[in-house]
Amino acid sequence: MLVPAPKGSPSRPFSAEEHEARFAQELSSRISHQRCAEIVAIRSSRHVAALRDAVRRLKNGTMKEQLFERGVFLGHCDERDEMLREQLAKFLHDRHERTLGDKP
């Protein structure tokens, strides 16, 4: 008898809504619920969308790598974040236009 793959594994990925809920849950464990709600609301901001699109269009691999490393550094708060690099890489891979078709 096989054990089912855990949620979040490649065969059972999180949906966008589940990612957002998990992000909000983790964030609210670190900061106030009010501040968390403000940060989550920023996601739909026109300014954030413009910056997100600009980052997606970066052609310079070195600049993308520096941006990724800075994101890992800024997002790493304590020992709970040891997997942040892998999680962030998977998160970006799953959403990149060149790798969207890689899903089984």
Foldseek 3Di string as FASTA:
>chain_A
DDDDDDACPLVHRDDPVRVLVVVLVVVCVPDPNVVSVVVSVCCPPPVVVVVVVVLLPDPDPVVVVVVLVVVLVVVDDDPVCPCVSVVVVVVCQCPRPVNVPVRD
